[in-house]
Amino acid sequence: MIKSCFLILTLLSVSFTTQARDSLAALRNDLNAAVTKLQDQQDQITALQTQVDSLTPDIYAIGDTGPAGGIVFYITDAGAHGLEAAPEDQGVAQWGCFGQSITGADGTAIGTGAQNTADILAGCTEAGIAAQLATDYAWPNGQTDGYLPSKDELNVLYQQRAVVGGFALYYYWSSSESASSSAWYQYFLSGNQANAMKYNTLRVRAVRAF
């Protein structure tokens, strides 16, 4: 009788041990599956965050270092876009092509400087002119897409001259032609804007849009 009871207890113990082992293995499998699912979800979250970051523009304020390494002096779209100025002058030069009208280079509004500059370089083949100095400038972060600011862009640059810094108290060319013999400039001592003969040698400060 005692032997029979012992045998039954032994069989029950083996059965319980097998069940526990099987249950533990199942739990481990469930845990591994859950961990794998979490890792997949984390990868998806990371991928989605990367997409969001790529679609979210950098936001700039006046005085910030811009994407090309210049100084931001004008912003639109709550700082997502705007203009930055080179941190230094590019030298002095003539506007170029005195007595020759440059088709398309008469824009004065903010946003017209780049096209003015392109039109100047397309229509005036003189070397070393102001527009050329502006486009030849290599920005601190390597970009070479600067241009000579339009009349209104130059005026905003004058208004933010203390923020941008490095200006001489002298005359600066804009890219806005006023006549075949003259173009707009700004005097950075008084802020006065006027026309000057294109053969005058004035200072150049490149800007770029972002």
Protein backbone atom coordinates (compact mmCIF):
# COMPACT_ATOMS: atom_id res chain seq x y z
CA MET A 1 0.00 0.00 0.00
CA ILE A 2 2.77 2.43 0.98
CA LYS A 3 4.70 1.55 -2.18
CA SER A 4 1.65 2.26 -4.28
CA CYS A 5 1.14 5.67 -2.68
CA PHE A 6 4.80 6.54 -3.20
CA LEU A 7 4.55 5.53 -6.86
CA ILE A 8 1.47 7.68 -7.34
CA LEU A 9 3.17 10.69 -5.70
CA THR A 10 6.23 10.18 -7.89
CA LEU A 11 4.12 10.09 -11.04
CA LEU A 12 2.21 13.20 -9.97
CA SER A 13 5.49 15.00 -9.25
CA VAL A 14 6.86 14.12 -12.68
CA SER A 15 3.62 15.27 -14.29
CA PHE A 16 3.66 18.59 -12.42
CA THR A 17 7.34 19.13 -13.30
CA THR A 18 6.65 18.53 -16.98
CA GLN A 19 3.68 20.87 -16.93
CA ALA A 20 5.71 23.59 -15.19
CA ARG A 21 8.53 23.19 -17.71
CA ASP A 22 6.08 23.41 -20.62
CA SER A 23 4.37 26.44 -19.07
CA LEU A 24 7.72 28.16 -18.55
CA ALA A 25 8.73 27.49 -22.15
CA ALA A 26 5.41 28.90 -23.37
CA LEU A 27 5.87 31.98 -21.22
CA ARG A 28 9.36 32.47 -22.62
CA ASN A 29 8.05 32.17 -26.15
CA ASP A 30 5.34 34.72 -25.40
CA LEU A 31 7.90 37.05 -23.85
CA ASN A 32 10.23 36.76 -26.85
CA ALA A 33 7.34 37.44 -29.22
CA ALA A 34 6.30 40.49 -27.17
CA VAL A 35 9.88 41.83 -27.16
CA THR A 36 10.16 41.35 -30.92
CA LYS A 37 6.85 43.16 -31.42
CA LEU A 38 8.00 46.04 -29.23
CA GLN A 39 11.26 46.30 -31.17
CA ASP A 40 9.34 46.39 -34.45
CA GLN A 41 7.07 49.10 -33.07
CA GLN A 42 10.09 51.09 -31.87
CA ASP A 43 11.66 50.83 -35.32
CA GLN A 44 8.42 52.10 -36.83
CA ILE A 45 8.31 55.00 -34.36
CA THR A 46 11.93 55.88 -35.15
CA ALA A 47 11.21 55.80 -38.89
CA LEU A 48 8.14 58.00 -38.46
CA GLN A 49 10.10 60.46 -36.30
CA THR A 50 12.78 60.67 -38.99
CA GLN A 51 10.10 61.49 -41.56
CA VAL A 52 8.60 64.14 -39.28
CA ASP A 53 12.01 65.70 -38.67
CA SER A 54 12.72 65.82 -42.41
CA LEU A 55 9.41 67.58 -43.04
CA THR A 56 9.78 70.04 -40.14
CA PRO A 57 11.81 73.08 -41.28
CA ASP A 58 14.44 74.68 -39.12
CA ILE A 59 13.16 77.90 -37.57
CA TYR A 60 15.38 80.99 -37.47
CA ALA A 61 15.19 84.35 -35.73
CA ILE A 62 16.83 87.65 -36.63
CA GLY A 63 20.47 87.47 -35.59
CA ASP A 64 20.72 83.68 -35.77
CA THR A 65 23.40 81.96 -37.77
CA GLY A 66 21.70 80.95 -41.01
CA PRO A 67 21.93 77.64 -42.88
CA ALA A 68 24.90 78.86 -44.93
CA GLY A 69 26.72 80.32 -41.93
CA GLY A 70 25.64 83.92 -42.54
CA ILE A 71 23.60 86.14 -40.23
CA VAL A 72 19.82 86.06 -40.55
CA PHE A 73 18.46 89.57 -41.08
CA TYR A 74 14.99 88.95 -42.51
CA ILE A 75 12.45 86.17 -41.94
CA THR A 76 9.13 85.02 -43.35
CA ASP A 77 6.82 82.10 -42.57
CA ALA A 78 7.52 82.41 -38.84
CA GLY A 79 11.25 81.93 -39.38
CA ALA A 80 11.13 78.99 -41.76
CA HIS A 81 12.38 81.16 -44.64
CA GLY A 82 14.18 84.43 -45.02
CA LEU A 83 17.46 86.07 -45.92
CA GLU A 84 20.93 85.80 -44.45
CA ALA A 85 23.86 88.11 -45.05
CA ALA A 86 27.50 87.23 -45.45
CA PRO A 87 29.38 88.02 -42.22
CA GLU A 88 31.84 90.22 -44.12
CA ASP A 89 32.06 92.44 -47.18
CA GLN A 90 33.18 90.89 -50.45
CA GLY A 91 35.19 93.94 -51.44
CA VAL A 92 34.60 96.95 -53.66
CA ALA A 93 33.61 97.03 -57.32
CA GLN A 94 31.82 98.89 -60.04
CA TRP A 95 28.22 97.96 -60.80
CA GLY A 96 29.31 97.49 -64.40
CA CYS A 97 28.18 98.15 -67.96
CA PHE A 98 27.78 101.91 -67.75
CA GLY A 99 25.45 103.14 -70.49
CA GLN A 100 23.93 99.69 -71.08
CA SER A 101 20.45 98.74 -69.88
CA ILE A 102 20.35 95.27 -68.34
CA THR A 103 17.06 93.59 -69.13
CA GLY A 104 15.33 92.29 -66.01
CA ALA A 105 17.68 93.86 -63.47
CA ASP A 106 15.27 96.56 -62.34
CA GLY A 107 13.51 94.69 -59.52
CA THR A 108 13.52 96.60 -56.25
CA ALA A 109 11.28 94.53 -53.96
CA ILE A 110 12.36 91.94 -51.42
CA GLY A 111 12.78 88.69 -53.31
CA THR A 112 14.05 90.20 -56.57
CA GLY A 113 17.76 90.43 -55.80
CA ALA A 114 18.63 86.93 -56.99
CA GLN A 115 16.96 87.43 -60.36
CA ASN A 116 18.50 90.90 -60.73
CA THR A 117 21.92 89.40 -60.12
CA ALA A 118 21.36 86.60 -62.62
CA ASP A 119 20.22 89.12 -65.22
CA ILE A 120 23.24 91.36 -64.57
CA LEU A 121 25.66 88.49 -65.09
CA ALA A 122 23.82 87.35 -68.19
CA GLY A 123 23.78 90.81 -69.73
CA CYS A 124 27.07 92.32 -68.56
CA THR A 125 30.32 90.53 -69.39
CA GLU A 126 32.66 92.93 -67.58
CA ALA A 127 34.92 91.16 -65.10
CA GLY A 128 34.98 91.83 -61.38
CA ILE A 129 31.69 93.69 -61.14
CA ALA A 130 29.65 93.83 -57.91
CA ALA A 131 27.25 91.06 -58.92
CA GLN A 132 30.19 88.79 -59.68
CA LEU A 133 31.79 89.39 -56.29
CA ALA A 134 28.51 88.47 -54.60
CA THR A 135 28.01 85.23 -56.53
CA ASP A 136 31.66 84.17 -56.27
CA TYR A 137 31.57 84.38 -52.48
CA ALA A 138 31.99 81.03 -50.71
CA TRP A 139 29.79 81.03 -47.61
CA PRO A 140 31.12 79.63 -44.31
CA ASN A 141 29.20 76.37 -44.83
CA GLY A 142 30.31 75.99 -48.44
CA GLN A 143 27.36 77.39 -50.41
CA THR A 144 28.00 79.61 -53.45
CA ASP A 145 24.47 80.80 -54.15
CA GLY A 146 24.74 84.34 -52.82
CA TYR A 147 23.68 87.40 -54.76
CA LEU A 148 23.69 91.18 -54.71
CA PRO A 149 20.66 92.40 -52.72
CA SER A 150 17.89 94.38 -54.37
CA LYS A 151 17.17 97.96 -53.29
CA ASP A 152 14.62 96.91 -50.66
CA GLU A 153 16.68 93.94 -49.47
CA LEU A 154 19.64 96.26 -49.02
CA ASN A 155 17.47 98.63 -47.00
CA VAL A 156 16.42 95.82 -44.63
CA LEU A 157 20.08 94.86 -44.36
CA TYR A 158 20.87 98.45 -43.40
CA GLN A 159 18.15 98.38 -40.75
CA GLN A 160 19.70 95.23 -39.27
CA ARG A 161 23.31 96.40 -39.70
CA ALA A 162 24.02 96.23 -35.96
CA VAL A 163 22.79 92.64 -35.82
CA VAL A 164 24.75 91.53 -38.89
CA GLY A 165 27.87 93.59 -38.19
CA GLY A 166 31.07 94.25 -40.12
CA PHE A 167 29.81 97.12 -42.25
CA ALA A 168 31.84 100.12 -43.26
CA LEU A 169 30.28 103.57 -43.01
CA TYR A 170 30.30 103.74 -46.77
CA TYR A 171 28.18 103.19 -49.88
CA TYR A 172 26.90 99.72 -50.80
CA TRP A 173 25.60 98.61 -54.17
CA SER A 174 22.20 97.05 -54.70
CA SER A 175 21.42 94.90 -57.73
CA SER A 176 18.58 97.23 -58.78
CA GLU A 177 19.32 99.16 -61.95
CA SER A 178 17.71 102.61 -62.16
CA ALA A 179 18.82 103.61 -65.67
CA SER A 180 21.30 102.55 -68.31
CA SER A 181 23.96 104.61 -66.59
CA SER A 182 23.03 104.22 -62.91
CA ALA A 183 21.93 101.85 -60.18
CA TRP A 184 20.61 102.10 -56.63
CA TYR A 185 22.97 102.23 -53.66
CA GLN A 186 22.64 102.83 -49.91
CA TYR A 187 24.85 104.92 -47.67
CA PHE A 188 25.44 102.96 -44.47
CA LEU A 189 26.20 106.06 -42.44
CA SER A 190 22.86 107.81 -42.93
CA GLY A 191 20.71 105.13 -44.56
CA ASN A 192 20.07 107.31 -47.60
CA GLN A 193 19.28 105.50 -50.84
CA ALA A 194 20.00 107.12 -54.19
CA ASN A 195 21.30 106.46 -57.69
CA ALA A 196 24.99 106.36 -58.56
CA MET A 197 26.78 106.09 -61.86
CA LYS A 198 27.61 102.47 -62.55
CA TYR A 199 31.32 103.21 -62.89
CA ASN A 200 31.58 104.20 -59.22
CA THR A 201 33.43 101.78 -56.97
CA LEU A 202 31.22 100.91 -54.00
CA ARG A 203 31.20 98.16 -51.40
CA VAL A 204 29.55 94.76 -51.83
CA ARG A 205 27.78 92.57 -49.26
CA ALA A 206 26.29 89.30 -50.50
CA VAL A 207 23.01 87.88 -49.23
CA ARG A 208 21.17 84.62 -49.90
CA ALA A 209 17.68 83.25 -49.44
CA PHE A 210 16.81 80.15 -47.40
